[in-house]
Amino acid sequence: MKSIMKTIKTLRSVQDRNRDEGWRIKWIPWQEPGQLEYVYNTPLTTVAGIAGVVLFLGALGYLLLQGGSLWVLGVAMFGWVLLILGRLYAAWHKQRGWIRVQARCVDRELREFRNIYDVTALKNWQFRLLCEFEFKGKTARVTPEPSRLLAFRSEEEAQKYLAENMTANGDCALWINSRNLRQASFPDRKKM
């Protein structure tokens, strides 16, 4: 049992180090200390994800090895759609009890990313926010996740997005998990 706990602690340390690498603002995890970060699933979304991957890869493998017809391509597409629908349902299920609150962004950071393995790759910009809000007499400080996968082509584009979703003094809306105030999304609920 001690070796399992040590392994989990080591993996969590790796997760935290990878998430914070290069960022001045450090991530505030929403998981309990010592627990791993994970992708939220329900039994339904787990089955949909596995079935979607198996159908998609199986049909593509069949096409490559045996050749095939339009119905095999249809099975591959059905697998892909099943996988996407499962992720959309998981996002909805996870956040169905979340509420919208007014918050204040107390710090923000923009950072340029580039694929270190491909010098010809396009660079992109991402942001990290540090926000505070009050909920039922408690003050919470969070680093909200962006509501969708965001990568901006320029710093100006990222600044424009932030300006559209918060006031000049940093007031913004967050969606929060009322059962775990460290879990938040900016500026909308997560889509996937």
C-alpha atoms as a PDB file:
ATOM      1  CA  MET A   1       0.000   0.000   0.000  1.00  0.00           C
ATOM      2  CA  LYS A   2       2.860   2.398   0.787  1.00  0.00           C
ATOM      3  CA  SER A   3       4.386   1.800  -2.646  1.00  0.00           C
ATOM      4  CA  ILE A   4       1.057   2.655  -4.330  1.00  0.00           C
ATOM      5  CA  MET A   5       0.746   5.865  -2.322  1.00  0.00           C
ATOM      6  CA  LYS A   6       4.351   6.774  -3.132  1.00  0.00           C
ATOM      7  CA  THR A   7       3.734   6.129  -6.845  1.00  0.00           C
ATOM      8  CA  ILE A   8       0.594   8.297  -6.793  1.00  0.00           C
ATOM      9  CA  LYS A   9       2.464  11.074  -4.993  1.00  0.00           C
ATOM     10  CA  THR A  10       5.293  10.890  -7.549  1.00  0.00           C
ATOM     11  CA  LEU A  11       2.858  10.952 -10.499  1.00  0.00           C
ATOM     12  CA  ARG A  12       0.997  13.924  -9.008  1.00  0.00           C
ATOM     13  CA  SER A  13       4.304  15.729  -8.577  1.00  0.00           C
ATOM     14  CA  VAL A  14       5.059  15.112 -12.269  1.00  0.00           C
ATOM     15  CA  GLN A  15       1.591  16.380 -13.239  1.00  0.00           C
ATOM     16  CA  ASP A  16       2.050  19.572 -11.198  1.00  0.00           C
ATOM     17  CA  ARG A  17       5.556  20.170 -12.539  1.00  0.00           C
ATOM     18  CA  ASN A  18       4.405  19.709 -16.161  1.00  0.00           C
ATOM     19  CA  ARG A  19       1.374  21.964 -15.702  1.00  0.00           C
ATOM     20  CA  ASP A  20       3.470  24.764 -14.157  1.00  0.00           C
ATOM     21  CA  GLU A  21       6.527  24.528 -16.394  1.00  0.00           C
ATOM     22  CA  GLY A  22       7.409  27.999 -17.622  1.00  0.00           C
ATOM     23  CA  TRP A  23       4.477  29.743 -15.940  1.00  0.00           C
ATOM     24  CA  ARG A  24       4.954  32.504 -13.372  1.00  0.00           C
ATOM     25  CA  ILE A  25       1.423  31.965 -12.027  1.00  0.00           C
ATOM     26  CA  LYS A  26       1.331  28.524 -10.455  1.00  0.00           C
ATOM     27  CA  TRP A  27      -1.704  26.294 -10.984  1.00  0.00           C
ATOM     28  CA  ILE A  28      -4.062  25.886  -7.996  1.00  0.00           C
ATOM     29  CA  PRO A  29      -5.182  22.260  -8.246  1.00  0.00           C
ATOM     30  CA  TRP A  30      -8.819  21.431  -7.597  1.00  0.00           C
ATOM     31  CA  GLN A  31      -8.120  17.816  -6.660  1.00  0.00           C
ATOM     32  CA  GLU A  32      -7.457  16.926  -3.067  1.00  0.00           C
ATOM     33  CA  PRO A  33      -3.756  16.845  -2.142  1.00  0.00           C
ATOM     34  CA  GLY A  34      -2.181  13.560  -3.163  1.00  0.00           C
ATOM     35  CA  GLN A  35      -4.866  12.657  -5.732  1.00  0.00           C
ATOM     36  CA  LEU A  36      -4.076  12.430  -9.424  1.00  0.00           C
ATOM     37  CA  GLU A  37      -5.547  14.734 -12.039  1.00  0.00           C
ATOM     38  CA  TYR A  38      -7.916  12.831 -14.283  1.00  0.00           C
ATOM     39  CA  VAL A  39     -10.326  13.196 -17.180  1.00  0.00           C
ATOM     40  CA  TYR A  40     -13.902  13.117 -15.871  1.00  0.00           C
ATOM     41  CA  ASN A  41     -16.006  10.198 -17.094  1.00  0.00           C
ATOM     42  CA  THR A  42     -19.248   8.477 -16.232  1.00  0.00           C
ATOM     43  CA  PRO A  43     -19.814   4.771 -16.904  1.00  0.00           C
ATOM     44  CA  LEU A  44     -21.710   5.788 -20.063  1.00  0.00           C
ATOM     45  CA  THR A  45     -18.930   8.041 -21.352  1.00  0.00           C
ATOM     46  CA  THR A  46     -16.299   5.413 -20.575  1.00  0.00           C
ATOM     47  CA  VAL A  47     -18.169   2.839 -22.664  1.00  0.00           C
ATOM     48  CA  ALA A  48     -18.844   5.395 -25.422  1.00  0.00           C
ATOM     49  CA  GLY A  49     -15.171   6.382 -25.500  1.00  0.00           C
ATOM     50  CA  ILE A  50     -13.866   2.833 -25.654  1.00  0.00           C
ATOM     51  CA  ALA A  51     -16.478   1.779 -28.217  1.00  0.00           C
ATOM     52  CA  GLY A  52     -15.810   4.889 -30.315  1.00  0.00           C
ATOM     53  CA  VAL A  53     -12.054   4.289 -30.389  1.00  0.00           C
ATOM     54  CA  VAL A  54     -12.459   0.567 -31.149  1.00  0.00           C
ATOM     55  CA  LEU A  55     -14.942   1.223 -33.975  1.00  0.00           C
ATOM     56  CA  PHE A  56     -12.876   4.037 -35.450  1.00  0.00           C
ATOM     57  CA  LEU A  57      -9.502   2.287 -35.322  1.00  0.00           C
ATOM     58  CA  GLY A  58     -10.971  -1.103 -36.216  1.00  0.00           C
ATOM     59  CA  ALA A  59     -12.690   0.258 -39.310  1.00  0.00           C
ATOM     60  CA  LEU A  60      -9.591   2.177 -40.390  1.00  0.00           C
ATOM     61  CA  GLY A  61      -7.463  -0.932 -39.848  1.00  0.00           C
ATOM     62  CA  TYR A  62      -9.906  -2.985 -41.906  1.00  0.00           C
ATOM     63  CA  LEU A  63      -9.798  -0.371 -44.671  1.00  0.00           C
ATOM     64  CA  LEU A  64      -5.999  -0.413 -44.744  1.00  0.00           C
ATOM     65  CA  LEU A  65      -5.629  -4.198 -44.615  1.00  0.00           C
ATOM     66  CA  GLN A  66      -8.630  -5.444 -46.554  1.00  0.00           C
ATOM     67  CA  GLY A  67      -9.799  -2.481 -48.523  1.00  0.00           C
ATOM     68  CA  GLY A  68     -13.446  -1.824 -48.092  1.00  0.00           C
ATOM     69  CA  SER A  69     -16.535  -0.030 -49.031  1.00  0.00           C
ATOM     70  CA  LEU A  70     -18.458   2.979 -47.947  1.00  0.00           C
ATOM     71  CA  TRP A  71     -20.092   1.153 -45.027  1.00  0.00           C
ATOM     72  CA  VAL A  72     -16.666   0.558 -43.397  1.00  0.00           C
ATOM     73  CA  LEU A  73     -15.942   4.269 -43.639  1.00  0.00           C
ATOM     74  CA  GLY A  74     -19.388   4.863 -42.118  1.00  0.00           C
ATOM     75  CA  VAL A  75     -18.480   2.631 -39.154  1.00  0.00           C
ATOM     76  CA  ALA A  76     -15.273   4.644 -38.660  1.00  0.00           C
ATOM     77  CA  MET A  77     -17.218   7.906 -38.725  1.00  0.00           C
ATOM     78  CA  PHE A  78     -19.827   6.497 -36.323  1.00  0.00           C
ATOM     79  CA  GLY A  79     -17.003   5.605 -33.907  1.00  0.00           C
ATOM     80  CA  TRP A  80     -15.604   9.132 -34.151  1.00  0.00           C
ATOM     81  CA  VAL A  81     -19.038  10.702 -33.549  1.00  0.00           C
ATOM     82  CA  LEU A  82     -19.642   8.370 -30.596  1.00  0.00           C
ATOM     83  CA  LEU A  83     -16.342   9.453 -29.051  1.00  0.00           C
ATOM     84  CA  ILE A  84     -17.134  13.172 -29.476  1.00  0.00           C
ATOM     85  CA  LEU A  85     -20.692  12.800 -28.144  1.00  0.00           C
ATOM     86  CA  GLY A  86     -19.330  10.943 -25.114  1.00  0.00           C
ATOM     87  CA  ARG A  87     -16.944  13.815 -24.320  1.00  0.00           C
ATOM     88  CA  LEU A  88     -19.711  16.405 -24.754  1.00  0.00           C
ATOM     89  CA  TYR A  89     -21.987  14.442 -22.426  1.00  0.00           C
ATOM     90  CA  ALA A  90     -19.170  14.079 -19.856  1.00  0.00           C
ATOM     91  CA  ALA A  91     -18.602  17.850 -19.858  1.00  0.00           C
ATOM     92  CA  TRP A  92     -22.323  18.517 -19.429  1.00  0.00           C
ATOM     93  CA  HIS A  93     -22.678  15.887 -16.682  1.00  0.00           C
ATOM     94  CA  LYS A  94     -19.665  17.140 -14.729  1.00  0.00           C
ATOM     95  CA  GLN A  95     -20.820  20.753 -14.798  1.00  0.00           C
ATOM     96  CA  ARG A  96     -24.587  20.412 -14.539  1.00  0.00           C
ATOM     97  CA  GLY A  97     -24.614  21.773 -10.975  1.00  0.00           C
ATOM     98  CA  TRP A  98     -22.068  24.531 -11.546  1.00  0.00           C
ATOM     99  CA  ILE A  99     -23.085  28.132 -11.011  1.00  0.00           C
ATOM    100  CA  ARG A 100     -21.989  31.437 -12.489  1.00  0.00           C
ATOM    101  CA  VAL A 101     -20.314  33.896 -10.123  1.00  0.00           C
ATOM    102  CA  GLN A 102     -18.741  37.296 -10.443  1.00  0.00           C
ATOM    103  CA  ALA A 103     -15.012  37.214  -9.792  1.00  0.00           C
ATOM    104  CA  ARG A 104     -12.016  39.497  -9.970  1.00  0.00           C
ATOM    105  CA  CYS A 105      -8.901  38.602 -11.905  1.00  0.00           C
ATOM    106  CA  VAL A 106      -6.031  39.564  -9.584  1.00  0.00           C
ATOM    107  CA  ASP A 107      -3.260  38.434 -11.927  1.00  0.00           C
ATOM    108  CA  ARG A 108      -2.931  37.255 -15.502  1.00  0.00           C
ATOM    109  CA  GLU A 109      -0.137  35.890 -17.606  1.00  0.00           C
ATOM    110  CA  LEU A 110       0.220  35.426 -21.349  1.00  0.00           C
ATOM    111  CA  ARG A 111       2.787  33.025 -22.671  1.00  0.00           C
ATOM    112  CA  GLU A 112       4.109  32.090 -26.092  1.00  0.00           C
ATOM    113  CA  PHE A 113       4.364  28.401 -26.968  1.00  0.00           C
ATOM    114  CA  ARG A 114       6.247  26.797 -29.822  1.00  0.00           C
ATOM    115  CA  ASN A 115       6.829  23.157 -30.638  1.00  0.00           C
ATOM    116  CA  ILE A 116      10.451  22.613 -29.587  1.00  0.00           C
ATOM    117  CA  TYR A 117      10.716  19.610 -31.898  1.00  0.00           C
ATOM    118  CA  ASP A 118       9.647  21.511 -35.008  1.00  0.00           C
ATOM    119  CA  VAL A 119      11.223  24.941 -35.530  1.00  0.00           C
ATOM    120  CA  THR A 120       8.929  25.572 -38.504  1.00  0.00           C
ATOM    121  CA  ALA A 121       5.800  25.061 -36.377  1.00  0.00           C
ATOM    122  CA  LEU A 122       3.550  28.014 -35.754  1.00  0.00           C
ATOM    123  CA  LYS A 123       3.794  29.664 -32.376  1.00  0.00           C
ATOM    124  CA  ASN A 124       0.707  30.244 -30.278  1.00  0.00           C
ATOM    125  CA  TRP A 125      -0.224  32.187 -27.184  1.00  0.00           C
ATOM    126  CA  GLN A 126      -2.070  30.973 -24.100  1.00  0.00           C
ATOM    127  CA  PHE A 127      -3.155  32.626 -20.869  1.00  0.00           C
ATOM    128  CA  ARG A 128      -3.371  31.743 -17.197  1.00  0.00           C
ATOM    129  CA  LEU A 129      -5.537  33.693 -14.754  1.00  0.00           C
ATOM    130  CA  LEU A 130      -5.543  33.989 -10.984  1.00  0.00           C
ATOM    131  CA  CYS A 131      -9.045  34.942  -9.807  1.00  0.00           C
ATOM    132  CA  GLU A 132     -10.843  35.517  -6.512  1.00  0.00           C
ATOM    133  CA  PHE A 133     -14.534  35.331  -5.709  1.00  0.00           C
ATOM    134  CA  GLU A 134     -16.884  35.160  -2.741  1.00  0.00           C
ATOM    135  CA  PHE A 135     -19.323  32.310  -2.327  1.00  0.00           C
ATOM    136  CA  LYS A 136     -21.529  31.792   0.734  1.00  0.00           C
ATOM    137  CA  GLY A 137     -19.241  33.874   2.922  1.00  0.00           C
ATOM    138  CA  LYS A 138     -16.044  32.161   1.750  1.00  0.00           C
ATOM    139  CA  THR A 139     -13.354  33.752  -0.365  1.00  0.00           C
ATOM    140  CA  ALA A 140     -11.808  31.434  -2.910  1.00  0.00           C
ATOM    141  CA  ARG A 141      -8.730  31.866  -5.081  1.00  0.00           C
ATOM    142  CA  VAL A 142      -8.596  29.819  -8.295  1.00  0.00           C
ATOM    143  CA  THR A 143      -6.737  29.372 -11.555  1.00  0.00           C
ATOM    144  CA  PRO A 144      -9.726  28.701 -13.816  1.00  0.00           C
ATOM    145  CA  GLU A 145      -9.469  26.457 -16.836  1.00  0.00           C
ATOM    146  CA  PRO A 146     -10.332  28.037 -20.182  1.00  0.00           C
ATOM    147  CA  SER A 147     -13.809  26.961 -21.258  1.00  0.00           C
ATOM    148  CA  ARG A 148     -12.528  25.613 -24.561  1.00  0.00           C
ATOM    149  CA  LEU A 149      -9.197  24.659 -26.064  1.00  0.00           C
ATOM    150  CA  LEU A 150      -7.663  28.007 -26.818  1.00  0.00           C
ATOM    151  CA  ALA A 151      -4.477  28.872 -28.595  1.00  0.00           C
ATOM    152  CA  PHE A 152      -4.131  32.342 -30.027  1.00  0.00           C
ATOM    153  CA  ARG A 153      -1.953  33.209 -33.026  1.00  0.00           C
ATOM    154  CA  SER A 154      -0.682  36.411 -31.447  1.00  0.00           C
ATOM    155  CA  GLU A 155      -0.413  38.142 -28.104  1.00  0.00           C
ATOM    156  CA  GLU A 156      -2.788  40.831 -29.403  1.00  0.00           C
ATOM    157  CA  GLU A 157      -5.426  38.198 -30.220  1.00  0.00           C
ATOM    158  CA  ALA A 158      -5.148  36.757 -26.688  1.00  0.00           C
ATOM    159  CA  GLN A 159      -5.354  40.256 -25.143  1.00  0.00           C
ATOM    160  CA  LYS A 160      -8.448  40.983 -27.242  1.00  0.00           C
ATOM    161  CA  TYR A 161     -10.148  37.768 -26.033  1.00  0.00           C
ATOM    162  CA  LEU A 162      -9.418  38.637 -22.399  1.00  0.00           C
ATOM    163  CA  ALA A 163     -10.638  42.221 -22.895  1.00  0.00           C
ATOM    164  CA  GLU A 164     -13.913  40.879 -24.358  1.00  0.00           C
ATOM    165  CA  ASN A 165     -14.452  38.652 -21.304  1.00  0.00           C
ATOM    166  CA  MET A 166     -13.375  40.893 -18.425  1.00  0.00           C
ATOM    167  CA  THR A 167     -13.532  44.539 -17.498  1.00  0.00           C
ATOM    168  CA  ALA A 168     -10.505  46.833 -17.356  1.00  0.00           C
ATOM    169  CA  ASN A 169     -10.313  46.420 -13.563  1.00  0.00           C
ATOM    170  CA  GLY A 170     -10.399  42.608 -13.849  1.00  0.00           C
ATOM    171  CA  ASP A 171     -14.044  41.825 -13.088  1.00  0.00           C
ATOM    172  CA  CYS A 172     -15.139  38.671 -14.901  1.00  0.00           C
ATOM    173  CA  ALA A 173     -17.559  35.780 -14.747  1.00  0.00           C
ATOM    174  CA  LEU A 174     -16.533  32.277 -13.718  1.00  0.00           C
ATOM    175  CA  TRP A 175     -18.456  29.032 -13.633  1.00  0.00           C
ATOM    176  CA  ILE A 176     -17.674  27.233 -10.380  1.00  0.00           C
ATOM    177  CA  ASN A 177     -18.304  23.864  -8.835  1.00  0.00           C
ATOM    178  CA  SER A 178     -20.233  24.795  -5.663  1.00  0.00           C
ATOM    179  CA  ARG A 179     -19.091  21.505  -4.054  1.00  0.00           C
ATOM    180  CA  ASN A 180     -15.394  22.263  -4.734  1.00  0.00           C
ATOM    181  CA  LEU A 181     -14.682  25.979  -4.974  1.00  0.00           C
ATOM    182  CA  ARG A 182     -11.193  25.427  -6.423  1.00  0.00           C
ATOM    183  CA  GLN A 183     -12.736  24.038  -9.632  1.00  0.00           C
ATOM    184  CA  ALA A 184     -13.670  26.830 -12.043  1.00  0.00           C
ATOM    185  CA  SER A 185     -13.983  27.611 -15.732  1.00  0.00           C
ATOM    186  CA  PHE A 186     -13.505  30.932 -17.574  1.00  0.00           C
ATOM    187  CA  PRO A 187     -15.565  32.522 -19.143  1.00  0.00           C
ATOM    188  CA  ASP A 188     -18.153  29.805 -19.839  1.00  0.00           C
ATOM    189  CA  ARG A 189     -18.667  26.189 -18.898  1.00  0.00           C
ATOM    190  CA  LYS A 190     -16.162  23.812 -20.492  1.00  0.00           C
ATOM    191  CA  LYS A 191     -17.342  22.317 -23.759  1.00  0.00           C
ATOM    192  CA  MET A 192     -15.360  19.054 -23.692  1.00  0.00           C
END
